[in-house]
């Protein structure tokens, strides 16, 4: 059974005993994909949810200080968000998502993240659930188990799980519909950003890119905003043996949207091995579609990014004006 972190003052202990459990969620990695699911679930159980702020330089620097050099930029940012939450919450929520589909896997950083955090921050109290279909650990059952550990009654937990899963489906559907409507509007220049949600939605990574592109008068489409099951099927046209689930979804997004864009921008958090492999494959297969790869790291400045993006967009516009 989960218990709250004790406070030093007796009065503080009494106050915490009658207050709701405070769950902290780092605004990084899979938060950007599952935020409606997690926040709705905990709030439905009466928990107070604290989400760390948008990524900033201070959070990044904290993450760099705690991370090893081999960690990718996304993990360094995640550790910075955990550091921000430590003294503000009872638990830091870090799910362990290992396998969503048979014969497929997640990046190792997602399966080992909770252990990384425990070994980095000794005082942290991690709240987690496990999803691994190979071991018959499915999302609904694992969320139910977690809710019961939080001392909620089974009917309330079941209702919270159903409400949370519905919130996620509605959010995903709304994102796809919004992007579909955007594609119906004529555009002078439109690019497809191929990157995981934790890059696209991060304030220091993908949002910086989107802001620069919009300043250049470019319309942005995101490959991750696509029906996941349909994308996994479409991904076979680009790779028959890609076994990273989220990479397969991006491949399907490329197949879905490539006909609607003038070029493709691949975003990668240095030094991500799976993305490096997948993006090289895509550039080889999609030789008729102009593309560029931006490898993002903690040393990257906005000026360098802006120069590269300006050059790429100039090429796209010149190609439209002077077709071969």
C-alpha atoms as a PDB file:
ATOM      1  CA  UNK A   1       0.000   0.000   0.000  1.00  0.00           C
ATOM      2  CA  UNK A   2       1.314   3.451  -0.909  1.00  0.00           C
ATOM      3  CA  UNK A   3       1.893   5.942   1.864  1.00  0.00           C
ATOM      4  CA  UNK A   4       2.708   9.600   1.813  1.00  0.00           C
ATOM      5  CA  UNK A   5       6.104  11.055   2.473  1.00  0.00           C
ATOM      6  CA  UNK A   6       6.287  12.074   6.163  1.00  0.00           C
ATOM      7  CA  UNK A   7       6.946  15.702   7.072  1.00  0.00           C
ATOM      8  CA  UNK A   8       9.314  16.869   9.772  1.00  0.00           C
ATOM      9  CA  UNK A   9       6.727  18.911  11.696  1.00  0.00           C
ATOM     10  CA  UNK A  10       3.905  17.151  13.529  1.00  0.00           C
ATOM     11  CA  UNK A  11       1.433  19.788  12.433  1.00  0.00           C
ATOM     12  CA  UNK A  12       2.583  19.285   8.892  1.00  0.00           C
ATOM     13  CA  UNK A  13       1.948  15.556   9.226  1.00  0.00           C
ATOM     14  CA  UNK A  14      -1.607  16.191  10.380  1.00  0.00           C
ATOM     15  CA  UNK A  15      -2.276  18.547   7.506  1.00  0.00           C
ATOM     16  CA  UNK A  16      -0.909  16.085   4.952  1.00  0.00           C
ATOM     17  CA  UNK A  17      -3.008  13.277   6.415  1.00  0.00           C
ATOM     18  CA  UNK A  18      -6.218  15.001   5.382  1.00  0.00           C
ATOM     19  CA  UNK A  19      -4.959  16.544   2.150  1.00  0.00           C
ATOM     20  CA  UNK A  20      -5.095  14.790  -1.236  1.00  0.00           C
ATOM     21  CA  UNK A  21      -2.126  12.844  -2.543  1.00  0.00           C
ATOM     22  CA  UNK A  22       0.046  15.133  -4.644  1.00  0.00           C
ATOM     23  CA  UNK A  23       1.297  13.504  -7.845  1.00  0.00           C
ATOM     24  CA  UNK A  24       3.950  15.206  -9.928  1.00  0.00           C
ATOM     25  CA  UNK A  25       4.169  14.557 -13.668  1.00  0.00           C
ATOM     26  CA  UNK A  26       7.306  15.682 -15.539  1.00  0.00           C
ATOM     27  CA  UNK A  27       6.412  17.651 -18.678  1.00  0.00           C
ATOM     28  CA  UNK A  28       8.738  15.567 -20.833  1.00  0.00           C
ATOM     29  CA  UNK A  29       8.982  12.337 -22.858  1.00  0.00           C
ATOM     30  CA  UNK A  30       5.666  10.430 -22.920  1.00  0.00           C
ATOM     31  CA  UNK A  31       3.790  13.183 -21.091  1.00  0.00           C
ATOM     32  CA  UNK A  32       3.375  14.854 -24.478  1.00  0.00           C
ATOM     33  CA  UNK A  33       1.627  11.743 -25.800  1.00  0.00           C
ATOM     34  CA  UNK A  34      -0.414  10.630 -22.796  1.00  0.00           C
ATOM     35  CA  UNK A  35      -1.065  13.786 -20.759  1.00  0.00           C
ATOM     36  CA  UNK A  36      -4.898  13.599 -21.040  1.00  0.00           C
ATOM     37  CA  UNK A  37      -4.848   9.968 -19.880  1.00  0.00           C
ATOM     38  CA  UNK A  38      -2.653  10.504 -16.852  1.00  0.00           C
ATOM     39  CA  UNK A  39      -3.998  13.835 -15.631  1.00  0.00           C
ATOM     40  CA  UNK A  40      -7.630  12.751 -15.986  1.00  0.00           C
ATOM     41  CA  UNK A  41      -6.933   9.477 -14.182  1.00  0.00           C
ATOM     42  CA  UNK A  42      -5.291  11.003 -11.122  1.00  0.00           C
ATOM     43  CA  UNK A  43      -7.693  13.928 -10.889  1.00  0.00           C
ATOM     44  CA  UNK A  44     -10.664  11.548 -11.123  1.00  0.00           C
ATOM     45  CA  UNK A  45      -9.271   9.731  -8.078  1.00  0.00           C
ATOM     46  CA  UNK A  46      -9.095  12.977  -6.109  1.00  0.00           C
ATOM     47  CA  UNK A  47      -5.334  13.454  -6.378  1.00  0.00           C
ATOM     48  CA  UNK A  48      -3.751  16.853  -6.791  1.00  0.00           C
ATOM     49  CA  UNK A  49      -1.685  16.864  -9.971  1.00  0.00           C
ATOM     50  CA  UNK A  50       1.329  19.129 -10.383  1.00  0.00           C
ATOM     51  CA  UNK A  51       2.850  19.295 -13.857  1.00  0.00           C
ATOM     52  CA  UNK A  52       6.302  20.781 -14.226  1.00  0.00           C
ATOM     53  CA  UNK A  53       6.489  23.968 -16.341  1.00  0.00           C
ATOM     54  CA  UNK A  54       7.502  24.279 -19.963  1.00  0.00           C
ATOM     55  CA  UNK A  55      11.130  23.337 -20.548  1.00  0.00           C
ATOM     56  CA  UNK A  56      13.500  26.258 -20.054  1.00  0.00           C
ATOM     57  CA  UNK A  57      17.263  26.644 -19.869  1.00  0.00           C
ATOM     58  CA  UNK A  58      17.290  26.204 -16.092  1.00  0.00           C
ATOM     59  CA  UNK A  59      15.446  22.885 -16.318  1.00  0.00           C
ATOM     60  CA  UNK A  60      17.759  21.729 -19.090  1.00  0.00           C
ATOM     61  CA  UNK A  61      20.862  22.701 -17.106  1.00  0.00           C
ATOM     62  CA  UNK A  62      19.588  20.787 -14.065  1.00  0.00           C
ATOM     63  CA  UNK A  63      19.017  17.747 -16.254  1.00  0.00           C
ATOM     64  CA  UNK A  64      22.494  17.986 -17.780  1.00  0.00           C
ATOM     65  CA  UNK A  65      23.987  18.167 -14.290  1.00  0.00           C
ATOM     66  CA  UNK A  66      22.308  14.904 -13.263  1.00  0.00           C
ATOM     67  CA  UNK A  67      22.607  12.970 -16.536  1.00  0.00           C
ATOM     68  CA  UNK A  68      25.472  10.980 -17.967  1.00  0.00           C
ATOM     69  CA  UNK A  69      26.885  12.127 -21.301  1.00  0.00           C
ATOM     70  CA  UNK A  70      25.398   9.148 -23.149  1.00  0.00           C
ATOM     71  CA  UNK A  71      21.819  10.136 -22.279  1.00  0.00           C
ATOM     72  CA  UNK A  72      19.918  11.684 -25.169  1.00  0.00           C
ATOM     73  CA  UNK A  73      18.736  15.272 -24.930  1.00  0.00           C
ATOM     74  CA  UNK A  74      15.161  14.144 -24.189  1.00  0.00           C
ATOM     75  CA  UNK A  75      16.279  12.176 -21.112  1.00  0.00           C
ATOM     76  CA  UNK A  76      18.403  15.074 -19.881  1.00  0.00           C
ATOM     77  CA  UNK A  77      15.362  17.333 -20.127  1.00  0.00           C
ATOM     78  CA  UNK A  78      13.239  14.733 -18.304  1.00  0.00           C
ATOM     79  CA  UNK A  79      15.683  14.608 -15.387  1.00  0.00           C
ATOM     80  CA  UNK A  80      15.520  18.387 -15.145  1.00  0.00           C
ATOM     81  CA  UNK A  81      11.742  18.206 -14.849  1.00  0.00           C
ATOM     82  CA  UNK A  82      12.005  15.546 -12.124  1.00  0.00           C
ATOM     83  CA  UNK A  83      14.410  17.777 -10.200  1.00  0.00           C
ATOM     84  CA  UNK A  84      11.871  20.610 -10.376  1.00  0.00           C
ATOM     85  CA  UNK A  85       9.119  18.424  -8.864  1.00  0.00           C
ATOM     86  CA  UNK A  86      11.029  16.688  -6.059  1.00  0.00           C
ATOM     87  CA  UNK A  87      10.204  19.033  -3.180  1.00  0.00           C
ATOM     88  CA  UNK A  88       6.677  19.811  -4.367  1.00  0.00           C
ATOM     89  CA  UNK A  89       4.972  16.412  -4.539  1.00  0.00           C
ATOM     90  CA  UNK A  90       4.380  13.156  -2.683  1.00  0.00           C
ATOM     91  CA  UNK A  91       5.187  11.062  -5.744  1.00  0.00           C
ATOM     92  CA  UNK A  92       6.719  11.530  -9.164  1.00  0.00           C
ATOM     93  CA  UNK A  93       4.788   9.562 -11.773  1.00  0.00           C
ATOM     94  CA  UNK A  94       6.988   7.616 -14.217  1.00  0.00           C
ATOM     95  CA  UNK A  95       5.234   4.828 -16.133  1.00  0.00           C
ATOM     96  CA  UNK A  96       7.154   1.836 -17.423  1.00  0.00           C
ATOM     97  CA  UNK A  97       5.946   1.183 -20.981  1.00  0.00           C
ATOM     98  CA  UNK A  98       7.879  -1.709 -22.470  1.00  0.00           C
ATOM     99  CA  UNK A  99       5.725  -3.293 -25.171  1.00  0.00           C
ATOM    100  CA  UNK A 100       2.368  -2.246 -26.662  1.00  0.00           C
ATOM    101  CA  UNK A 101       2.200  -4.757 -29.524  1.00  0.00           C
ATOM    102  CA  UNK A 102       3.647  -8.256 -29.934  1.00  0.00           C
ATOM    103  CA  UNK A 103       7.001  -8.306 -31.748  1.00  0.00           C
ATOM    104  CA  UNK A 104       7.480  -4.573 -31.103  1.00  0.00           C
ATOM    105  CA  UNK A 105       9.489  -2.684 -28.512  1.00  0.00           C
ATOM    106  CA  UNK A 106       9.971   0.739 -26.977  1.00  0.00           C
ATOM    107  CA  UNK A 107      13.225   2.650 -26.839  1.00  0.00           C
ATOM    108  CA  UNK A 108      15.247   1.459 -23.845  1.00  0.00           C
ATOM    109  CA  UNK A 109      15.104   4.914 -22.264  1.00  0.00           C
ATOM    110  CA  UNK A 110      11.353   4.455 -21.758  1.00  0.00           C
ATOM    111  CA  UNK A 111      11.681   1.018 -20.180  1.00  0.00           C
ATOM    112  CA  UNK A 112      14.509   2.027 -17.863  1.00  0.00           C
ATOM    113  CA  UNK A 113      13.462   5.558 -16.972  1.00  0.00           C
ATOM    114  CA  UNK A 114      12.092   4.835 -13.488  1.00  0.00           C
ATOM    115  CA  UNK A 115      15.301   3.050 -12.503  1.00  0.00           C
ATOM    116  CA  UNK A 116      17.392   5.905 -13.900  1.00  0.00           C
ATOM    117  CA  UNK A 117      15.433   8.369 -11.763  1.00  0.00           C
ATOM    118  CA  UNK A 118      15.675   6.223  -8.616  1.00  0.00           C
ATOM    119  CA  UNK A 119      19.427   5.946  -8.983  1.00  0.00           C
ATOM    120  CA  UNK A 120      19.824   9.637  -9.746  1.00  0.00           C
ATOM    121  CA  UNK A 121      17.606  11.115  -7.015  1.00  0.00           C
ATOM    122  CA  UNK A 122      17.850   9.054  -3.832  1.00  0.00           C
ATOM    123  CA  UNK A 123      14.953  10.801  -2.086  1.00  0.00           C
ATOM    124  CA  UNK A 124      12.459  10.405  -4.936  1.00  0.00           C
ATOM    125  CA  UNK A 125       9.265   8.384  -4.487  1.00  0.00           C
ATOM    126  CA  UNK A 126       8.247   6.974  -7.844  1.00  0.00           C
ATOM    127  CA  UNK A 127       4.689   6.084  -8.754  1.00  0.00           C
ATOM    128  CA  UNK A 128       4.505   3.789 -11.770  1.00  0.00           C
ATOM    129  CA  UNK A 129       2.584   1.191 -13.716  1.00  0.00           C
ATOM    130  CA  UNK A 130       3.871  -1.384 -16.187  1.00  0.00           C
ATOM    131  CA  UNK A 131       2.627  -2.016 -19.715  1.00  0.00           C
ATOM    132  CA  UNK A 132       4.096  -5.084 -21.419  1.00  0.00           C
ATOM    133  CA  UNK A 133       1.737  -7.163 -23.542  1.00  0.00           C
ATOM    134  CA  UNK A 134       4.308  -9.971 -23.655  1.00  0.00           C
ATOM    135  CA  UNK A 135       3.735 -10.450 -19.929  1.00  0.00           C
ATOM    136  CA  UNK A 136      -0.029  -9.815 -20.200  1.00  0.00           C
ATOM    137  CA  UNK A 137       0.348  -6.461 -18.447  1.00  0.00           C
ATOM    138  CA  UNK A 138      -2.174  -4.225 -20.190  1.00  0.00           C
ATOM    139  CA  UNK A 139      -2.949  -0.556 -19.630  1.00  0.00           C
ATOM    140  CA  UNK A 140      -6.444  -0.962 -18.192  1.00  0.00           C
ATOM    141  CA  UNK A 141      -5.422  -3.590 -15.652  1.00  0.00           C
ATOM    142  CA  UNK A 142      -2.282  -1.716 -14.662  1.00  0.00           C
ATOM    143  CA  UNK A 143      -4.094   1.586 -14.169  1.00  0.00           C
ATOM    144  CA  UNK A 144      -6.684  -0.252 -12.067  1.00  0.00           C
ATOM    145  CA  UNK A 145      -3.947  -1.756  -9.913  1.00  0.00           C
ATOM    146  CA  UNK A 146      -2.353   1.659  -9.467  1.00  0.00           C
ATOM    147  CA  UNK A 147      -5.663   3.227  -8.479  1.00  0.00           C
ATOM    148  CA  UNK A 148      -6.260   0.562  -5.843  1.00  0.00           C
ATOM    149  CA  UNK A 149      -2.772   1.152  -4.439  1.00  0.00           C
ATOM    150  CA  UNK A 150      -3.758   4.792  -4.047  1.00  0.00           C
ATOM    151  CA  UNK A 151      -6.513   3.599  -1.680  1.00  0.00           C
ATOM    152  CA  UNK A 152      -9.391   4.247  -4.062  1.00  0.00           C
ATOM    153  CA  UNK A 153     -12.380   1.906  -4.187  1.00  0.00           C
ATOM    154  CA  UNK A 154     -12.652  -0.406  -7.187  1.00  0.00           C
ATOM    155  CA  UNK A 155     -15.803   1.199  -8.724  1.00  0.00           C
ATOM    156  CA  UNK A 156     -14.180   4.646  -8.497  1.00  0.00           C
ATOM    157  CA  UNK A 157     -10.994   3.297 -10.059  1.00  0.00           C
ATOM    158  CA  UNK A 158     -12.870   1.682 -12.933  1.00  0.00           C
ATOM    159  CA  UNK A 159     -14.713   4.933 -13.607  1.00  0.00           C
ATOM    160  CA  UNK A 160     -11.449   6.890 -13.476  1.00  0.00           C
ATOM    161  CA  UNK A 161      -9.771   4.525 -15.953  1.00  0.00           C
ATOM    162  CA  UNK A 162     -12.693   4.731 -18.383  1.00  0.00           C
ATOM    163  CA  UNK A 163     -12.829   8.516 -18.108  1.00  0.00           C
ATOM    164  CA  UNK A 164      -9.073   8.823 -18.637  1.00  0.00           C
ATOM    165  CA  UNK A 165      -9.001   6.555 -21.694  1.00  0.00           C
ATOM    166  CA  UNK A 166     -11.913   8.458 -23.213  1.00  0.00           C
ATOM    167  CA  UNK A 167     -10.105  11.772 -22.622  1.00  0.00           C
ATOM    168  CA  UNK A 168      -7.054  10.461 -24.460  1.00  0.00           C
ATOM    169  CA  UNK A 169      -9.079   9.202 -27.435  1.00  0.00           C
ATOM    170  CA  UNK A 170     -10.919  12.512 -27.743  1.00  0.00           C
ATOM    171  CA  UNK A 171      -7.664  14.452 -27.562  1.00  0.00           C
ATOM    172  CA  UNK A 172      -6.050  12.341 -30.270  1.00  0.00           C
ATOM    173  CA  UNK A 173      -9.112  12.602 -32.492  1.00  0.00           C
ATOM    174  CA  UNK A 174      -9.248  16.374 -32.084  1.00  0.00           C
ATOM    175  CA  UNK A 175      -5.571  16.747 -33.046  1.00  0.00           C
ATOM    176  CA  UNK A 176      -6.042  14.687 -36.206  1.00  0.00           C
ATOM    177  CA  UNK A 177      -9.196  16.576 -37.185  1.00  0.00           C
ATOM    178  CA  UNK A 178      -7.490  19.936 -36.619  1.00  0.00           C
ATOM    179  CA  UNK A 179      -4.581  18.923 -38.841  1.00  0.00           C
ATOM    180  CA  UNK A 180      -6.928  17.579 -41.520  1.00  0.00           C
ATOM    181  CA  UNK A 181      -8.710  20.932 -41.633  1.00  0.00           C
ATOM    182  CA  UNK A 182      -5.357  22.723 -41.909  1.00  0.00           C
ATOM    183  CA  UNK A 183      -4.454  20.620 -44.950  1.00  0.00           C
ATOM    184  CA  UNK A 184      -7.559  21.854 -46.744  1.00  0.00           C
ATOM    185  CA  UNK A 185      -6.239  25.435 -46.679  1.00  0.00           C
ATOM    186  CA  UNK A 186      -3.961  26.411 -49.627  1.00  0.00           C
ATOM    187  CA  UNK A 187      -0.364  27.021 -48.607  1.00  0.00           C
ATOM    188  CA  UNK A 188       2.594  28.810 -50.175  1.00  0.00           C
ATOM    189  CA  UNK A 189       4.962  26.420 -48.405  1.00  0.00           C
ATOM    190  CA  UNK A 190       4.125  23.485 -46.150  1.00  0.00           C
ATOM    191  CA  UNK A 191       6.530  21.126 -44.385  1.00  0.00           C
ATOM    192  CA  UNK A 192       6.077  17.888 -42.501  1.00  0.00           C
ATOM    193  CA  UNK A 193       7.900  17.664 -39.178  1.00  0.00           C
ATOM    194  CA  UNK A 194       8.819  14.073 -38.405  1.00  0.00           C
ATOM    195  CA  UNK A 195       9.589  13.727 -34.713  1.00  0.00           C
ATOM    196  CA  UNK A 196       8.248  12.165 -31.556  1.00  0.00           C
ATOM    197  CA  UNK A 197       5.714  14.153 -29.555  1.00  0.00           C
ATOM    198  CA  UNK A 198       8.268  14.728 -26.795  1.00  0.00           C
ATOM    199  CA  UNK A 199      10.355  16.649 -29.316  1.00  0.00           C
ATOM    200  CA  UNK A 200       7.572  18.395 -31.251  1.00  0.00           C
ATOM    201  CA  UNK A 201       5.838  19.694 -28.113  1.00  0.00           C
ATOM    202  CA  UNK A 202       8.892  20.573 -26.043  1.00  0.00           C
ATOM    203  CA  UNK A 203       9.428  24.315 -25.640  1.00  0.00           C
ATOM    204  CA  UNK A 204      13.199  24.134 -26.212  1.00  0.00           C
ATOM    205  CA  UNK A 205      13.144  21.604 -29.024  1.00  0.00           C
ATOM    206  CA  UNK A 206      10.218  21.289 -31.438  1.00  0.00           C
ATOM    207  CA  UNK A 207       8.359  24.459 -30.498  1.00  0.00           C
ATOM    208  CA  UNK A 208      11.461  26.484 -31.275  1.00  0.00           C
ATOM    209  CA  UNK A 209      11.522  24.927 -34.749  1.00  0.00           C
ATOM    210  CA  UNK A 210       7.809  25.543 -35.307  1.00  0.00           C
ATOM    211  CA  UNK A 211       8.148  29.162 -34.206  1.00  0.00           C
ATOM    212  CA  UNK A 212      10.992  29.793 -36.643  1.00  0.00           C
ATOM    213  CA  UNK A 213       9.124  28.116 -39.499  1.00  0.00           C
ATOM    214  CA  UNK A 214       5.934  30.072 -38.860  1.00  0.00           C
ATOM    215  CA  UNK A 215       8.025  33.244 -38.826  1.00  0.00           C
ATOM    216  CA  UNK A 216       9.179  32.296 -42.323  1.00  0.00           C
ATOM    217  CA  UNK A 217       5.567  31.956 -43.475  1.00  0.00           C
ATOM    218  CA  UNK A 218       5.646  28.152 -43.506  1.00  0.00           C
ATOM    219  CA  UNK A 219       2.716  25.939 -42.544  1.00  0.00           C
ATOM    220  CA  UNK A 220       3.686  23.035 -40.288  1.00  0.00           C
ATOM    221  CA  UNK A 221       2.221  19.525 -40.301  1.00  0.00           C
ATOM    222  CA  UNK A 222       3.249  16.918 -37.714  1.00  0.00           C
ATOM    223  CA  UNK A 223       3.748  13.255 -38.612  1.00  0.00           C
ATOM    224  CA  UNK A 224       2.757  12.022 -35.152  1.00  0.00           C
ATOM    225  CA  UNK A 225      -0.807  13.352 -35.502  1.00  0.00           C
ATOM    226  CA  UNK A 226      -2.239  10.334 -37.245  1.00  0.00           C
ATOM    227  CA  UNK A 227      -4.458   7.360 -36.465  1.00  0.00           C
ATOM    228  CA  UNK A 228      -2.029   5.021 -34.725  1.00  0.00           C
ATOM    229  CA  UNK A 229      -3.331   1.697 -36.013  1.00  0.00           C
ATOM    230  CA  UNK A 230      -3.613   2.949 -39.588  1.00  0.00           C
ATOM    231  CA  UNK A 231      -0.116   4.415 -39.345  1.00  0.00           C
ATOM    232  CA  UNK A 232       1.372   1.141 -38.155  1.00  0.00           C
ATOM    233  CA  UNK A 233      -0.045  -0.553 -41.259  1.00  0.00           C
ATOM    234  CA  UNK A 234       1.117   2.204 -43.620  1.00  0.00           C
ATOM    235  CA  UNK A 235       4.604   2.069 -42.114  1.00  0.00           C
ATOM    236  CA  UNK A 236       5.193  -1.240 -43.909  1.00  0.00           C
ATOM    237  CA  UNK A 237       5.550   0.702 -47.169  1.00  0.00           C
ATOM    238  CA  UNK A 238       8.731   2.293 -45.833  1.00  0.00           C
ATOM    239  CA  UNK A 239      10.046  -0.484 -43.610  1.00  0.00           C
ATOM    240  CA  UNK A 240       8.861  -4.064 -43.217  1.00  0.00           C
ATOM    241  CA  UNK A 241      10.939  -4.764 -40.119  1.00  0.00           C
ATOM    242  CA  UNK A 242      10.943  -1.625 -37.967  1.00  0.00           C
ATOM    243  CA  UNK A 243      10.070  -2.871 -34.484  1.00  0.00           C
ATOM    244  CA  UNK A 244      10.007   0.378 -32.485  1.00  0.00           C
ATOM    245  CA  UNK A 245       6.310   1.149 -32.004  1.00  0.00           C
ATOM    246  CA  UNK A 246       6.529   4.951 -31.972  1.00  0.00           C
ATOM    247  CA  UNK A 247       8.912   4.932 -34.942  1.00  0.00           C
ATOM    248  CA  UNK A 248       6.399   2.856 -36.887  1.00  0.00           C
ATOM    249  CA  UNK A 249       3.754   5.469 -36.159  1.00  0.00           C
ATOM    250  CA  UNK A 250       6.034   8.187 -37.556  1.00  0.00           C
ATOM    251  CA  UNK A 251       6.678   6.134 -40.692  1.00  0.00           C
ATOM    252  CA  UNK A 252       2.924   5.801 -41.149  1.00  0.00           C
ATOM    253  CA  UNK A 253       2.571   9.550 -40.643  1.00  0.00           C
ATOM    254  CA  UNK A 254       5.055  10.159 -43.436  1.00  0.00           C
ATOM    255  CA  UNK A 255       3.058   7.930 -45.766  1.00  0.00           C
ATOM    256  CA  UNK A 256      -0.157   9.705 -44.764  1.00  0.00           C
ATOM    257  CA  UNK A 257       1.028  13.281 -45.272  1.00  0.00           C
ATOM    258  CA  UNK A 258       3.954  13.250 -47.745  1.00  0.00           C
ATOM    259  CA  UNK A 259       1.711  14.062 -50.710  1.00  0.00           C
ATOM    260  CA  UNK A 260       0.478  17.252 -49.022  1.00  0.00           C
ATOM    261  CA  UNK A 261       3.832  18.874 -48.218  1.00  0.00           C
ATOM    262  CA  UNK A 262       6.714  20.513 -50.056  1.00  0.00           C
ATOM    263  CA  UNK A 263       9.411  19.029 -47.842  1.00  0.00           C
ATOM    264  CA  UNK A 264      10.171  17.031 -44.705  1.00  0.00           C
ATOM    265  CA  UNK A 265      12.149  18.051 -41.618  1.00  0.00           C
ATOM    266  CA  UNK A 266      13.370  15.237 -39.380  1.00  0.00           C
ATOM    267  CA  UNK A 267      14.040  16.253 -35.775  1.00  0.00           C
ATOM    268  CA  UNK A 268      16.247  14.097 -33.572  1.00  0.00           C
ATOM    269  CA  UNK A 269      17.373  14.446 -29.950  1.00  0.00           C
ATOM    270  CA  UNK A 270      21.107  13.745 -30.003  1.00  0.00           C
ATOM    271  CA  UNK A 271      22.349  10.989 -29.835  1.00  0.00           C
ATOM    272  CA  UNK A 272      19.215   8.905 -30.502  1.00  0.00           C
ATOM    273  CA  UNK A 273      20.186   5.641 -32.208  1.00  0.00           C
ATOM    274  CA  UNK A 274      16.722   4.490 -33.383  1.00  0.00           C
ATOM    275  CA  UNK A 275      15.850   7.874 -34.902  1.00  0.00           C
ATOM    276  CA  UNK A 276      19.227   8.090 -36.627  1.00  0.00           C
ATOM    277  CA  UNK A 277      18.607   4.731 -38.271  1.00  0.00           C
ATOM    278  CA  UNK A 278      14.986   5.391 -39.211  1.00  0.00           C
ATOM    279  CA  UNK A 279      15.606   8.877 -40.619  1.00  0.00           C
ATOM    280  CA  UNK A 280      18.512   7.656 -42.762  1.00  0.00           C
ATOM    281  CA  UNK A 281      16.234   4.938 -44.109  1.00  0.00           C
ATOM    282  CA  UNK A 282      13.509   7.474 -44.920  1.00  0.00           C
ATOM    283  CA  UNK A 283      15.855   9.797 -46.777  1.00  0.00           C
ATOM    284  CA  UNK A 284      17.097   6.850 -48.843  1.00  0.00           C
ATOM    285  CA  UNK A 285      13.597   5.674 -49.744  1.00  0.00           C
ATOM    286  CA  UNK A 286      11.990   9.120 -50.227  1.00  0.00           C
ATOM    287  CA  UNK A 287      14.551  10.554 -52.615  1.00  0.00           C
ATOM    288  CA  UNK A 288      11.913  12.514 -54.546  1.00  0.00           C
ATOM    289  CA  UNK A 289      10.881  14.481 -51.434  1.00  0.00           C
ATOM    290  CA  UNK A 290      13.259  17.259 -50.246  1.00  0.00           C
ATOM    291  CA  UNK A 291      14.275  16.705 -46.639  1.00  0.00           C
ATOM    292  CA  UNK A 292      16.737  17.688 -43.966  1.00  0.00           C
ATOM    293  CA  UNK A 293      17.714  16.294 -40.562  1.00  0.00           C
ATOM    294  CA  UNK A 294      18.181  18.539 -37.534  1.00  0.00           C
ATOM    295  CA  UNK A 295      20.090  16.882 -34.708  1.00  0.00           C
ATOM    296  CA  UNK A 296      19.220  18.787 -31.538  1.00  0.00           C
ATOM    297  CA  UNK A 297      21.556  18.948 -28.542  1.00  0.00           C
ATOM    298  CA  UNK A 298      22.062  21.125 -25.475  1.00  0.00           C
ATOM    299  CA  UNK A 299      24.622  23.303 -27.276  1.00  0.00           C
ATOM    300  CA  UNK A 300      22.332  24.189 -30.186  1.00  0.00           C
ATOM    301  CA  UNK A 301      21.471  27.878 -30.477  1.00  0.00           C
ATOM    302  CA  UNK A 302      18.452  29.440 -32.172  1.00  0.00           C
ATOM    303  CA  UNK A 303      20.637  31.373 -34.628  1.00  0.00           C
ATOM    304  CA  UNK A 304      22.146  28.210 -36.094  1.00  0.00           C
ATOM    305  CA  UNK A 305      18.761  26.546 -36.377  1.00  0.00           C
ATOM    306  CA  UNK A 306      17.269  29.606 -38.054  1.00  0.00           C
ATOM    307  CA  UNK A 307      20.049  29.696 -40.659  1.00  0.00           C
ATOM    308  CA  UNK A 308      19.611  26.036 -41.573  1.00  0.00           C
ATOM    309  CA  UNK A 309      15.829  26.331 -41.744  1.00  0.00           C
ATOM    310  CA  UNK A 310      15.977  29.490 -43.875  1.00  0.00           C
ATOM    311  CA  UNK A 311      18.263  27.711 -46.337  1.00  0.00           C
ATOM    312  CA  UNK A 312      16.007  24.682 -46.542  1.00  0.00           C
ATOM    313  CA  UNK A 313      12.840  26.739 -47.040  1.00  0.00           C
ATOM    314  CA  UNK A 314      14.569  28.816 -49.740  1.00  0.00           C
ATOM    315  CA  UNK A 315      15.332  25.572 -51.588  1.00  0.00           C
ATOM    316  CA  UNK A 316      11.717  24.401 -51.308  1.00  0.00           C
ATOM    317  CA  UNK A 317      10.349  27.690 -52.646  1.00  0.00           C
ATOM    318  CA  UNK A 318      12.874  27.788 -55.474  1.00  0.00           C
ATOM    319  CA  UNK A 319      11.908  24.252 -56.426  1.00  0.00           C
ATOM    320  CA  UNK A 320       8.226  25.256 -56.620  1.00  0.00           C
ATOM    321  CA  UNK A 321       9.017  28.322 -58.704  1.00  0.00           C
ATOM    322  CA  UNK A 322      11.344  26.481 -61.080  1.00  0.00           C
ATOM    323  CA  UNK A 323      10.139  22.873 -61.302  1.00  0.00           C
ATOM    324  CA  UNK A 324      12.320  20.458 -63.263  1.00  0.00           C
END
